[in-house]
Amino acid sequence: QAPGKERVGVACISYDSTYYMDSVKGRFTISRDNARNTV
């Protein structure tokens, strides 16, 4: 969420899927480390 703007979804991850908003595709990467319980 930027100042004065609505909150928007950037990326998400689940056991079988990842999604990105168009403006960050190719630049952002979401990942998960189950052993560390960290995204």
Full PDB file with SEQRES, HELIX, SHEET, SSBOND, CRYST1, ORIGX, SCALE, CONECT and MASTER records, all heavy atoms in Angstrom:
SEQRES   1 A   39  GLN ALA PRO GLY LYS GLU ARG VAL GLY VAL ALA CYS ILE          
SEQRES   2 A   39  SER TYR ASP SER THR TYR TYR MET ASP SER VAL LYS GLY          
SEQRES   3 A   39  ARG PHE THR ILE SER ARG ASP ASN ALA ARG ASN THR VAL          
HELIX    1 AA1 ASP A   22  VAL A   24  5                                   3    
SHEET    1 AA1 2 ALA A  11  ILE A  13  0                                        
SHEET    2 AA1 2 THR A  18  TYR A  20 -1                                        
CRYST1    1.000    1.000    1.000  90.00  90.00  90.00 P 1           1          
ORIGX1      1.000000  0.000000  0.000000        0.00000                         
ORIGX2      0.000000  1.000000  0.000000        0.00000                         
ORIGX3      0.000000  0.000000  1.000000        0.00000                         
SCALE1      1.000000  0.000000  0.000000        0.00000                         
SCALE2      0.000000  1.000000  0.000000        0.00000                         
SCALE3      0.000000  0.000000  1.000000        0.00000                         
ATOM      1  N   GLN A   1       0.844  -1.181   0.000  1.00  0.00           N  
ATOM      2  CA  GLN A   1       0.000   0.000   0.000  1.00  0.00           C  
ATOM      3  C   GLN A   1       0.886   1.239   0.000  1.00  0.00           C  
ATOM      4  O   GLN A   1       1.670   1.450   0.925  1.00  0.00           O  
ATOM      5  CB  GLN A   1      -0.936   0.015   1.207  1.00  0.00           C  
ATOM      6  CG  GLN A   1      -1.950   1.139   1.182  1.00  0.00           C  
ATOM      7  CD  GLN A   1      -3.007   0.986   2.258  1.00  0.00           C  
ATOM      8  OE1 GLN A   1      -2.786   0.346   3.281  1.00  0.00           O  
ATOM      9  NE2 GLN A   1      -4.173   1.568   2.023  1.00  0.00           N  
ATOM     10  N   ALA A   2       0.756   2.039  -1.047  1.00  0.00           N  
ATOM     11  CA  ALA A   2       1.450   3.317  -1.140  1.00  0.00           C  
ATOM     12  C   ALA A   2       0.590   4.407  -0.520  1.00  0.00           C  
ATOM     13  O   ALA A   2      -0.635   4.265  -0.426  1.00  0.00           O  
ATOM     14  CB  ALA A   2       1.764   3.641  -2.594  1.00  0.00           C  
ATOM     15  N   PRO A   3       1.193   5.522  -0.090  1.00  0.00           N  
ATOM     16  CA  PRO A   3       0.409   6.601   0.517  1.00  0.00           C  
ATOM     17  C   PRO A   3      -0.708   7.080  -0.401  1.00  0.00           C  
ATOM     18  O   PRO A   3      -0.482   7.373  -1.576  1.00  0.00           O  
ATOM     19  CB  PRO A   3       1.448   7.697   0.750  1.00  0.00           C  
ATOM     20  CG  PRO A   3       2.742   6.964   0.882  1.00  0.00           C  
ATOM     21  CD  PRO A   3       2.635   5.813  -0.069  1.00  0.00           C  
ATOM     22  N   GLY A   4      -1.920   7.150   0.136  1.00  0.00           N  
ATOM     23  CA  GLY A   4      -3.062   7.602  -0.625  1.00  0.00           C  
ATOM     24  C   GLY A   4      -3.613   6.607  -1.620  1.00  0.00           C  
ATOM     25  O   GLY A   4      -4.529   6.953  -2.373  1.00  0.00           O  
ATOM     26  N   LYS A   5      -3.082   5.390  -1.641  1.00  0.00           N  
ATOM     27  CA  LYS A   5      -3.513   4.380  -2.588  1.00  0.00           C  
ATOM     28  C   LYS A   5      -4.137   3.187  -1.862  1.00  0.00           C  
ATOM     29  O   LYS A   5      -3.941   2.997  -0.666  1.00  0.00           O  
ATOM     30  CB  LYS A   5      -2.337   3.893  -3.436  1.00  0.00           C  
ATOM     31  CG  LYS A   5      -1.614   4.987  -4.203  1.00  0.00           C  
ATOM     32  CD  LYS A   5      -2.502   5.608  -5.258  1.00  0.00           C  
ATOM     33  CE  LYS A   5      -1.733   6.625  -6.078  1.00  0.00           C  
ATOM     34  NZ  LYS A   5      -2.592   7.252  -7.118  1.00  0.00           N  
ATOM     35  N   GLU A   6      -4.893   2.397  -2.599  1.00  0.00           N  
ATOM     36  CA  GLU A   6      -5.472   1.179  -2.047  1.00  0.00           C  
ATOM     37  C   GLU A   6      -4.412   0.095  -1.924  1.00  0.00           C  
ATOM     38  O   GLU A   6      -3.432   0.072  -2.667  1.00  0.00           O  
ATOM     39  CB  GLU A   6      -6.617   0.683  -2.927  1.00  0.00           C  
ATOM     40  CG  GLU A   6      -7.822   1.591  -2.983  1.00  0.00           C  
ATOM     41  CD  GLU A   6      -8.943   1.005  -3.805  1.00  0.00           C  
ATOM     42  OE1 GLU A   6      -8.705   0.023  -4.530  1.00  0.00           O  
ATOM     43  OE2 GLU A   6     -10.072   1.521  -3.722  1.00  0.00           O  
ATOM     44  N   ARG A   7      -4.647  -0.811  -0.989  1.00  0.00           N  
ATOM     45  CA  ARG A   7      -3.766  -1.959  -0.846  1.00  0.00           C  
ATOM     46  C   ARG A   7      -4.028  -2.949  -1.979  1.00  0.00           C  
ATOM     47  O   ARG A   7      -5.182  -3.268  -2.285  1.00  0.00           O  
ATOM     48  CB  ARG A   7      -3.980  -2.623   0.510  1.00  0.00           C  
ATOM     49  CG  ARG A   7      -3.046  -3.798   0.777  1.00  0.00           C  
ATOM     50  CD  ARG A   7      -2.980  -4.133   2.249  1.00  0.00           C  
ATOM     51  NE  ARG A   7      -4.277  -4.462   2.802  1.00  0.00           N  
ATOM     52  CZ  ARG A   7      -4.509  -4.629   4.102  1.00  0.00           C  
ATOM     53  NH1 ARG A   7      -3.521  -4.468   4.966  1.00  0.00           N  
ATOM     54  NH2 ARG A   7      -5.719  -4.934   4.530  1.00  0.00           N  
ATOM     55  N   VAL A   8      -2.966  -3.421  -2.607  1.00  0.00           N  
ATOM     56  CA  VAL A   8      -3.082  -4.336  -3.734  1.00  0.00           C  
ATOM     57  C   VAL A   8      -2.251  -5.586  -3.470  1.00  0.00           C  
ATOM     58  O   VAL A   8      -1.257  -5.549  -2.746  1.00  0.00           O  
ATOM     59  CB  VAL A   8      -2.636  -3.686  -5.055  1.00  0.00           C  
ATOM     60  CG1 VAL A   8      -3.540  -2.505  -5.400  1.00  0.00           C  
ATOM     61  CG2 VAL A   8      -1.187  -3.234  -4.974  1.00  0.00           C  
ATOM     62  N   GLY A   9      -2.663  -6.679  -4.072  1.00  0.00           N  
ATOM     63  CA  GLY A   9      -1.931  -7.924  -3.944  1.00  0.00           C  
ATOM     64  C   GLY A   9      -0.750  -7.967  -4.892  1.00  0.00           C  
ATOM     65  O   GLY A   9      -0.896  -7.731  -6.093  1.00  0.00           O  
ATOM     66  N   VAL A  10       0.418  -8.296  -4.372  1.00  0.00           N  
ATOM     67  CA  VAL A  10       1.651  -8.351  -5.146  1.00  0.00           C  
ATOM     68  C   VAL A  10       1.943  -9.770  -5.618  1.00  0.00           C  
ATOM     69  O   VAL A  10       2.227 -10.005  -6.799  1.00  0.00           O  
ATOM     70  CB  VAL A  10       2.839  -7.804  -4.334  1.00  0.00           C  
ATOM     71  CG1 VAL A  10       4.136  -7.925  -5.126  1.00  0.00           C  
ATOM     72  CG2 VAL A  10       2.575  -6.365  -3.921  1.00  0.00           C  
ATOM     73  N   ALA A  11       1.887 -10.723  -4.708  1.00  0.00           N  
ATOM     74  CA  ALA A  11       2.202 -12.109  -5.026  1.00  0.00           C  
ATOM     75  C   ALA A  11       1.636 -13.007  -3.942  1.00  0.00           C  
ATOM     76  O   ALA A  11       1.442 -12.585  -2.809  1.00  0.00           O  
ATOM     77  CB  ALA A  11       3.716 -12.322  -5.154  1.00  0.00           C  
ATOM     78  N   CYS A  12       1.378 -14.263  -4.296  1.00  0.00           N  
ATOM     79  CA  CYS A  12       0.978 -15.244  -3.301  1.00  0.00           C  
ATOM     80  C   CYS A  12       1.532 -16.599  -3.689  1.00  0.00           C  
ATOM     81  O   CYS A  12       1.879 -16.835  -4.855  1.00  0.00           O  
ATOM     82  CB  CYS A  12      -0.541 -15.303  -3.101  1.00  0.00           C  
ATOM     83  SG  CYS A  12      -1.502 -15.939  -4.486  1.00  0.00           S  
ATOM     84  N   ILE A  13       1.599 -17.480  -2.697  1.00  0.00           N  
ATOM     85  CA  ILE A  13       2.132 -18.819  -2.910  1.00  0.00           C  
ATOM     86  C   ILE A  13       1.336 -19.810  -2.071  1.00  0.00           C  
ATOM     87  O   ILE A  13       0.919 -19.507  -0.954  1.00  0.00           O  
ATOM     88  CB  ILE A  13       3.637 -18.880  -2.564  1.00  0.00           C  
ATOM     89  CG1 ILE A  13       4.230 -20.239  -2.930  1.00  0.00           C  
ATOM     90  CG2 ILE A  13       3.869 -18.557  -1.086  1.00  0.00           C  
ATOM     91  CD1 ILE A  13       5.754 -20.267  -2.835  1.00  0.00           C  
ATOM     92  N   SER A  14       1.101 -20.982  -2.622  1.00  0.00           N  
ATOM     93  CA  SER A  14       0.492 -22.089  -1.914  1.00  0.00           C  
ATOM     94  C   SER A  14       1.211 -23.358  -2.345  1.00  0.00           C  
ATOM     95  O   SER A  14       2.238 -23.302  -3.027  1.00  0.00           O  
ATOM     96  CB  SER A  14      -1.009 -22.177  -2.179  1.00  0.00           C  
ATOM     97  OG  SER A  14      -1.276 -22.432  -3.550  1.00  0.00           O  
ATOM     98  N   TYR A  15       0.668 -24.507  -1.957  1.00  0.00           N  
ATOM     99  CA  TYR A  15       1.385 -25.750  -2.213  1.00  0.00           C  
ATOM    100  C   TYR A  15       1.575 -26.043  -3.691  1.00  0.00           C  
ATOM    101  O   TYR A  15       2.512 -26.743  -4.072  1.00  0.00           O  
ATOM    102  CB  TYR A  15       0.673 -26.925  -1.530  1.00  0.00           C  
ATOM    103  CG  TYR A  15      -0.583 -27.384  -2.232  1.00  0.00           C  
ATOM    104  CD1 TYR A  15      -0.570 -28.548  -2.995  1.00  0.00           C  
ATOM    105  CD2 TYR A  15      -1.764 -26.681  -2.124  1.00  0.00           C  
ATOM    106  CE1 TYR A  15      -1.709 -28.984  -3.639  1.00  0.00           C  
ATOM    107  CE2 TYR A  15      -2.908 -27.101  -2.764  1.00  0.00           C  
ATOM    108  CZ  TYR A  15      -2.880 -28.254  -3.523  1.00  0.00           C  
ATOM    109  OH  TYR A  15      -4.015 -28.691  -4.167  1.00  0.00           O  
ATOM    110  N   ASP A  16       0.678 -25.492  -4.541  1.00  0.00           N  
ATOM    111  CA  ASP A  16       0.753 -25.814  -5.965  1.00  0.00           C  
ATOM    112  C   ASP A  16       0.672 -24.600  -6.876  1.00  0.00           C  
ATOM    113  O   ASP A  16       0.591 -24.772  -8.100  1.00  0.00           O  
ATOM    114  CB  ASP A  16      -0.334 -26.817  -6.341  1.00  0.00           C  
ATOM    115  CG  ASP A  16      -1.740 -26.258  -6.198  1.00  0.00           C  
ATOM    116  OD1 ASP A  16      -1.909 -25.200  -5.563  1.00  0.00           O  
ATOM    117  OD2 ASP A  16      -2.682 -26.894  -6.706  1.00  0.00           O  
ATOM    118  N   SER A  17       0.710 -23.375  -6.333  1.00  0.00           N  
ATOM    119  CA  SER A  17       0.477 -22.198  -7.164  1.00  0.00           C  
ATOM    120  C   SER A  17       1.293 -21.008  -6.703  1.00  0.00           C  
ATOM    121  O   SER A  17       1.580 -20.851  -5.521  1.00  0.00           O  
ATOM    122  CB  SER A  17      -0.998 -21.808  -7.160  1.00  0.00           C  
ATOM    123  OG  SER A  17      -1.820 -22.860  -7.628  1.00  0.00           O  
ATOM    124  N   THR A  18       1.657 -20.163  -7.664  1.00  0.00           N  
ATOM    125  CA  THR A  18       2.161 -18.828  -7.390  1.00  0.00           C  
ATOM    126  C   THR A  18       1.506 -17.867  -8.367  1.00  0.00           C  
ATOM    127  O   THR A  18       1.262 -18.220  -9.522  1.00  0.00           O  
ATOM    128  CB  THR A  18       3.689 -18.723  -7.524  1.00  0.00           C  
ATOM    129  OG1 THR A  18       4.080 -19.106  -8.853  1.00  0.00           O  
ATOM    130  CG2 THR A  18       4.392 -19.605  -6.507  1.00  0.00           C  
ATOM    131  N   TYR A  19       1.239 -16.650  -7.902  1.00  0.00           N  
ATOM    132  CA  TYR A  19       0.667 -15.616  -8.744  1.00  0.00           C  
ATOM    133  C   TYR A  19       1.349 -14.299  -8.448  1.00  0.00           C  
ATOM    134  O   TYR A  19       1.786 -14.048  -7.328  1.00  0.00           O  
ATOM    135  CB  TYR A  19      -0.844 -15.494  -8.525  1.00  0.00           C  
ATOM    136  CG  TYR A  19      -1.632 -16.673  -9.022  1.00  0.00           C  
ATOM    137  CD1 TYR A  19      -2.036 -17.679  -8.160  1.00  0.00           C  
ATOM    138  CD2 TYR A  19      -1.969 -16.788 -10.369  1.00  0.00           C  
ATOM    139  CE1 TYR A  19      -2.752 -18.765  -8.612  1.00  0.00           C  
ATOM    140  CE2 TYR A  19      -2.683 -17.875 -10.834  1.00  0.00           C  
ATOM    141  CZ  TYR A  19      -3.072 -18.859  -9.951  1.00  0.00           C  
ATOM    142  OH  TYR A  19      -3.788 -19.942 -10.416  1.00  0.00           O  
ATOM    143  N   TYR A  20       1.423 -13.437  -9.475  1.00  0.00           N  
ATOM    144  CA  TYR A  20       2.041 -12.131  -9.366  1.00  0.00           C  
ATOM    145  C   TYR A  20       1.174 -11.096 -10.064  1.00  0.00           C  
ATOM    146  O   TYR A  20       0.534 -11.377 -11.078  1.00  0.00           O  
ATOM    147  CB  TYR A  20       3.424 -12.111 -10.022  1.00  0.00           C  
ATOM    148  CG  TYR A  20       4.422 -13.066  -9.425  1.00  0.00           C  
ATOM    149  CD1 TYR A  20       4.521 -14.373  -9.889  1.00  0.00           C  
ATOM    150  CD2 TYR A  20       5.275 -12.661  -8.408  1.00  0.00           C  
ATOM    151  CE1 TYR A  20       5.439 -15.250  -9.344  1.00  0.00           C  
ATOM    152  CE2 TYR A  20       6.200 -13.530  -7.864  1.00  0.00           C  
ATOM    153  CZ  TYR A  20       6.278 -14.827  -8.340  1.00  0.00           C  
ATOM    154  OH  TYR A  20       7.198 -15.697  -7.803  1.00  0.00           O  
ATOM    155  N   MET A  21       1.181  -9.886  -9.531  1.00  0.00           N  
ATOM    156  CA  MET A  21       0.568  -8.800 -10.268  1.00  0.00           C  
ATOM    157  C   MET A  21       1.447  -8.469 -11.469  1.00  0.00           C  
ATOM    158  O   MET A  21       2.669  -8.658 -11.442  1.00  0.00           O  
ATOM    159  CB  MET A  21       0.363  -7.571  -9.372  1.00  0.00           C  
ATOM    160  CG  MET A  21       1.629  -6.938  -8.833  1.00  0.00           C  
ATOM    161  SD  MET A  21       1.307  -5.555  -7.701  1.00  0.00           S  
ATOM    162  CE  MET A  21       0.442  -4.419  -8.776  1.00  0.00           C  
ATOM    163  N   ASP A  22       0.834  -7.962 -12.522  1.00  0.00           N  
ATOM    164  CA  ASP A  22       1.536  -7.804 -13.790  1.00  0.00           C  
ATOM    165  C   ASP A  22       2.781  -6.924 -13.684  1.00  0.00           C  
ATOM    166  O   ASP A  22       3.809  -7.208 -14.315  1.00  0.00           O  
ATOM    167  CB  ASP A  22       0.591  -7.230 -14.844  1.00  0.00           C  
ATOM    168  CG  ASP A  22      -0.445  -8.225 -15.315  1.00  0.00           C  
ATOM    169  OD1 ASP A  22      -0.249  -9.432 -15.109  1.00  0.00           O  
ATOM    170  OD2 ASP A  22      -1.454  -7.792 -15.909  1.00  0.00           O  
ATOM    171  N   SER A  23       2.727  -5.872 -12.899  1.00  0.00           N  
ATOM    172  CA  SER A  23       3.817  -4.906 -12.870  1.00  0.00           C  
ATOM    173  C   SER A  23       5.086  -5.434 -12.208  1.00  0.00           C  
ATOM    174  O   SER A  23       6.136  -4.802 -12.322  1.00  0.00           O  
ATOM    175  CB  SER A  23       3.370  -3.619 -12.172  1.00  0.00           C  
ATOM    176  OG  SER A  23       3.051  -3.850 -10.816  1.00  0.00           O  
ATOM    177  N   VAL A  24       5.013  -6.574 -11.512  1.00  0.00           N  
ATOM    178  CA  VAL A  24       6.200  -7.117 -10.856  1.00  0.00           C  
ATOM    179  C   VAL A  24       6.671  -8.421 -11.487  1.00  0.00           C  
ATOM    180  O   VAL A  24       7.716  -8.948 -11.082  1.00  0.00           O  
ATOM    181  CB  VAL A  24       5.972  -7.337  -9.342  1.00  0.00           C  
ATOM    182  CG1 VAL A  24       5.464  -6.057  -8.692  1.00  0.00           C  
ATOM    183  CG2 VAL A  24       5.021  -8.499  -9.085  1.00  0.00           C  
ATOM    184  N   LYS A  25       5.962  -8.938 -12.466  1.00  0.00           N  
ATOM    185  CA  LYS A  25       6.373 -10.182 -13.112  1.00  0.00           C  
ATOM    186  C   LYS A  25       7.747 -10.010 -13.755  1.00  0.00           C  
ATOM    187  O   LYS A  25       8.018  -9.031 -14.435  1.00  0.00           O  
ATOM    188  CB  LYS A  25       5.353 -10.599 -14.167  1.00  0.00           C  
ATOM    189  CG  LYS A  25       4.047 -11.121 -13.599  1.00  0.00           C  
ATOM    190  CD  LYS A  25       3.090 -11.547 -14.706  1.00  0.00           C  
ATOM    191  CE  LYS A  25       1.805 -12.111 -14.130  1.00  0.00           C  
ATOM    192  NZ  LYS A  25       0.840 -12.491 -15.197  1.00  0.00           N  
ATOM    193  N   GLY A  26       8.603 -10.986 -13.535  1.00  0.00           N  
ATOM    194  CA  GLY A  26       9.959 -10.933 -14.043  1.00  0.00           C  
ATOM    195  C   GLY A  26      10.928 -10.205 -13.147  1.00  0.00           C  
ATOM    196  O   GLY A  26      12.143 -10.286 -13.374  1.00  0.00           O  
ATOM    197  N   ARG A  27      10.438  -9.492 -12.149  1.00  0.00           N  
ATOM    198  CA  ARG A  27      11.293  -8.759 -11.221  1.00  0.00           C  
ATOM    199  C   ARG A  27      11.207  -9.298  -9.792  1.00  0.00           C  
ATOM    200  O   ARG A  27      12.214  -9.262  -9.081  1.00  0.00           O  
ATOM    201  CB  ARG A  27      10.919  -7.275 -11.205  1.00  0.00           C  
ATOM    202  CG  ARG A  27      11.073  -6.583 -12.555  1.00  0.00           C  
ATOM    203  CD  ARG A  27      10.918  -5.076 -12.427  1.00  0.00           C  
ATOM    204  NE  ARG A  27       9.587  -4.700 -11.960  1.00  0.00           N  
ATOM    205  CZ  ARG A  27       9.351  -4.039 -10.821  1.00  0.00           C  
ATOM    206  NH1 ARG A  27      10.349  -3.676 -10.037  1.00  0.00           N  
ATOM    207  NH2 ARG A  27       8.108  -3.721 -10.478  1.00  0.00           N  
ATOM    208  N   PHE A  28      10.035  -9.756  -9.375  1.00  0.00           N  
ATOM    209  CA  PHE A  28       9.827 -10.266  -8.015  1.00  0.00           C  
ATOM    210  C   PHE A  28       9.660 -11.779  -8.052  1.00  0.00           C  
ATOM    211  O   PHE A  28       9.093 -12.334  -9.005  1.00  0.00           O  
ATOM    212  CB  PHE A  28       8.568  -9.664  -7.387  1.00  0.00           C  
ATOM    213  CG  PHE A  28       8.666  -8.201  -7.044  1.00  0.00           C  
ATOM    214  CD1 PHE A  28       9.714  -7.415  -7.489  1.00  0.00           C  
ATOM    215  CD2 PHE A  28       7.684  -7.619  -6.260  1.00  0.00           C  
ATOM    216  CE1 PHE A  28       9.792  -6.070  -7.170  1.00  0.00           C  
ATOM    217  CE2 PHE A  28       7.751  -6.275  -5.928  1.00  0.00           C  
ATOM    218  CZ  PHE A  28       8.798  -5.503  -6.383  1.00  0.00           C  
ATOM    219  N   THR A  29      10.118 -12.445  -6.997  1.00  0.00           N  
ATOM    220  CA  THR A  29       9.968 -13.881  -6.864  1.00  0.00           C  
ATOM    221  C   THR A  29       9.541 -14.217  -5.441  1.00  0.00           C  
ATOM    222  O   THR A  29      10.223 -13.836  -4.488  1.00  0.00           O  
ATOM    223  CB  THR A  29      11.271 -14.626  -7.191  1.00  0.00           C  
ATOM    224  OG1 THR A  29      11.721 -14.281  -8.506  1.00  0.00           O  
ATOM    225  CG2 THR A  29      11.046 -16.134  -7.121  1.00  0.00           C  
ATOM    226  N   ILE A  30       8.427 -14.932  -5.303  1.00  0.00           N  
ATOM    227  CA  ILE A  30       7.975 -15.384  -4.001  1.00  0.00           C  
ATOM    228  C   ILE A  30       8.391 -16.836  -3.828  1.00  0.00           C  
ATOM    229  O   ILE A  30       8.321 -17.631  -4.767  1.00  0.00           O  
ATOM    230  CB  ILE A  30       6.451 -15.206  -3.835  1.00  0.00           C  
ATOM    231  CG1 ILE A  30       6.021 -15.471  -2.389  1.00  0.00           C  
ATOM    232  CG2 ILE A  30       5.671 -16.084  -4.804  1.00  0.00           C  
ATOM    233  CD1 ILE A  30       4.591 -15.052  -2.087  1.00  0.00           C  
ATOM    234  N   SER A  31       8.848 -17.183  -2.633  1.00  0.00           N  
ATOM    235  CA  SER A  31       9.304 -18.538  -2.363  1.00  0.00           C  
ATOM    236  C   SER A  31       8.995 -18.903  -0.919  1.00  0.00           C  
ATOM    237  O   SER A  31       8.681 -18.041  -0.092  1.00  0.00           O  
ATOM    238  CB  SER A  31      10.799 -18.692  -2.649  1.00  0.00           C  
ATOM    239  OG  SER A  31      11.569 -17.846  -1.814  1.00  0.00           O  
ATOM    240  N   ARG A  32       9.111 -20.190  -0.620  1.00  0.00           N  
ATOM    241  CA  ARG A  32       8.759 -20.710   0.700  1.00  0.00           C  
ATOM    242  C   ARG A  32       9.809 -21.696   1.161  1.00  0.00           C  
ATOM    243  O   ARG A  32      10.268 -22.551   0.388  1.00  0.00           O  
ATOM    244  CB  ARG A  32       7.374 -21.375   0.627  1.00  0.00           C  
ATOM    245  CG  ARG A  32       6.862 -21.966   1.922  1.00  0.00           C  
ATOM    246  CD  ARG A  32       5.490 -22.597   1.695  1.00  0.00           C  
ATOM    247  NE  ARG A  32       5.547 -23.694   0.749  1.00  0.00           N  
ATOM    248  CZ  ARG A  32       4.619 -23.966  -0.147  1.00  0.00           C  
ATOM    249  NH1 ARG A  32       3.532 -23.184  -0.239  1.00  0.00           N  
ATOM    250  NH2 ARG A  32       4.754 -25.002  -0.963  1.00  0.00           N  
ATOM    251  N   ASP A  33      10.198 -21.595   2.418  1.00  0.00           N  
ATOM    252  CA  ASP A  33      11.106 -22.537   3.055  1.00  0.00           C  
ATOM    253  C   ASP A  33      10.331 -23.195   4.185  1.00  0.00           C  
ATOM    254  O   ASP A  33      10.167 -22.621   5.259  1.00  0.00           O  
ATOM    255  CB  ASP A  33      12.356 -21.834   3.576  1.00  0.00           C  
ATOM    256  CG  ASP A  33      13.407 -22.799   4.088  1.00  0.00           C  
ATOM    257  OD1 ASP A  33      13.052 -23.917   4.523  1.00  0.00           O  
ATOM    258  OD2 ASP A  33      14.599 -22.438   4.064  1.00  0.00           O  
ATOM    259  N   ASN A  34       9.834 -24.409   3.945  1.00  0.00           N  
ATOM    260  CA  ASN A  34       8.995 -25.080   4.929  1.00  0.00           C  
ATOM    261  C   ASN A  34       9.757 -25.393   6.216  1.00  0.00           C  
ATOM    262  O   ASN A  34       9.194 -25.323   7.308  1.00  0.00           O  
ATOM    263  CB  ASN A  34       8.414 -26.365   4.342  1.00  0.00           C  
ATOM    264  CG  ASN A  34       7.426 -26.118   3.224  1.00  0.00           C  
ATOM    265  OD1 ASN A  34       6.799 -25.055   3.155  1.00  0.00           O  
ATOM    266  ND2 ASN A  34       7.266 -27.093   2.343  1.00  0.00           N  
ATOM    267  N   ALA A  35      11.031 -25.755   6.091  1.00  0.00           N  
ATOM    268  CA  ALA A  35      11.827 -26.089   7.268  1.00  0.00           C  
ATOM    269  C   ALA A  35      11.972 -24.896   8.203  1.00  0.00           C  
ATOM    270  O   ALA A  35      12.010 -25.057   9.423  1.00  0.00           O  
ATOM    271  CB  ALA A  35      13.190 -26.620   6.857  1.00  0.00           C  
ATOM    272  N   ARG A  36      12.084 -23.705   7.632  1.00  0.00           N  
ATOM    273  CA  ARG A  36      12.206 -22.488   8.431  1.00  0.00           C  
ATOM    274  C   ARG A  36      10.854 -21.830   8.683  1.00  0.00           C  
ATOM    275  O   ARG A  36      10.796 -20.816   9.393  1.00  0.00           O  
ATOM    276  CB  ARG A  36      13.133 -21.496   7.740  1.00  0.00           C  
ATOM    277  CG  ARG A  36      14.569 -21.986   7.615  1.00  0.00           C  
ATOM    278  CD  ARG A  36      15.442 -20.947   6.944  1.00  0.00           C  
ATOM    279  NE  ARG A  36      16.816 -21.409   6.799  1.00  0.00           N  
ATOM    280  CZ  ARG A  36      17.759 -21.251   7.705  1.00  0.00           C  
ATOM    281  NH1 ARG A  36      17.491 -20.620   8.848  1.00  0.00           N  
ATOM    282  NH2 ARG A  36      18.985 -21.711   7.491  1.00  0.00           N  
ATOM    283  N   ASN A  37       9.784 -22.379   8.102  1.00  0.00           N  
ATOM    284  CA  ASN A  37       8.445 -21.818   8.223  1.00  0.00           C  
ATOM    285  C   ASN A  37       8.449 -20.330   7.858  1.00  0.00           C  
ATOM    286  O   ASN A  37       7.903 -19.483   8.575  1.00  0.00           O  
ATOM    287  CB  ASN A  37       7.876 -22.018   9.632  1.00  0.00           C  
ATOM    288  CG  ASN A  37       6.359 -21.950   9.652  1.00  0.00           C  
ATOM    289  OD1 ASN A  37       5.696 -22.497   8.770  1.00  0.00           O  
ATOM    290  ND2 ASN A  37       5.800 -21.285  10.661  1.00  0.00           N  
ATOM    291  N   THR A  38       9.062 -20.026   6.712  1.00  0.00           N  
ATOM    292  CA  THR A  38       9.261 -18.652   6.284  1.00  0.00           C  
ATOM    293  C   THR A  38       8.940 -18.525   4.801  1.00  0.00           C  
ATOM    294  O   THR A  38       9.238 -19.425   4.010  1.00  0.00           O  
ATOM    295  CB  THR A  38      10.704 -18.198   6.543  1.00  0.00           C  
ATOM    296  OG1 THR A  38      10.983 -18.278   7.943  1.00  0.00           O  
ATOM    297  CG2 THR A  38      10.921 -16.765   6.082  1.00  0.00           C  
ATOM    298  N   VAL A  39       8.339 -17.406   4.431  1.00  0.00           N  
ATOM    299  CA  VAL A  39       8.083 -17.059   3.046  1.00  0.00           C  
ATOM    300  C   VAL A  39       8.877 -15.802   2.714  1.00  0.00           C  
ATOM    301  O   VAL A  39       8.934 -14.866   3.521  1.00  0.00           O  
ATOM    302  CB  VAL A  39       6.580 -16.845   2.784  1.00  0.00           C  
ATOM    303  CG1 VAL A  39       6.343 -16.274   1.392  1.00  0.00           C  
ATOM    304  CG2 VAL A  39       5.837 -18.165   2.929  1.00  0.00           C  
TER     305      VAL A  39                                                      
MASTER        0    0    0    1    2    0    0    6  304    1    0    3          
END                                                                             
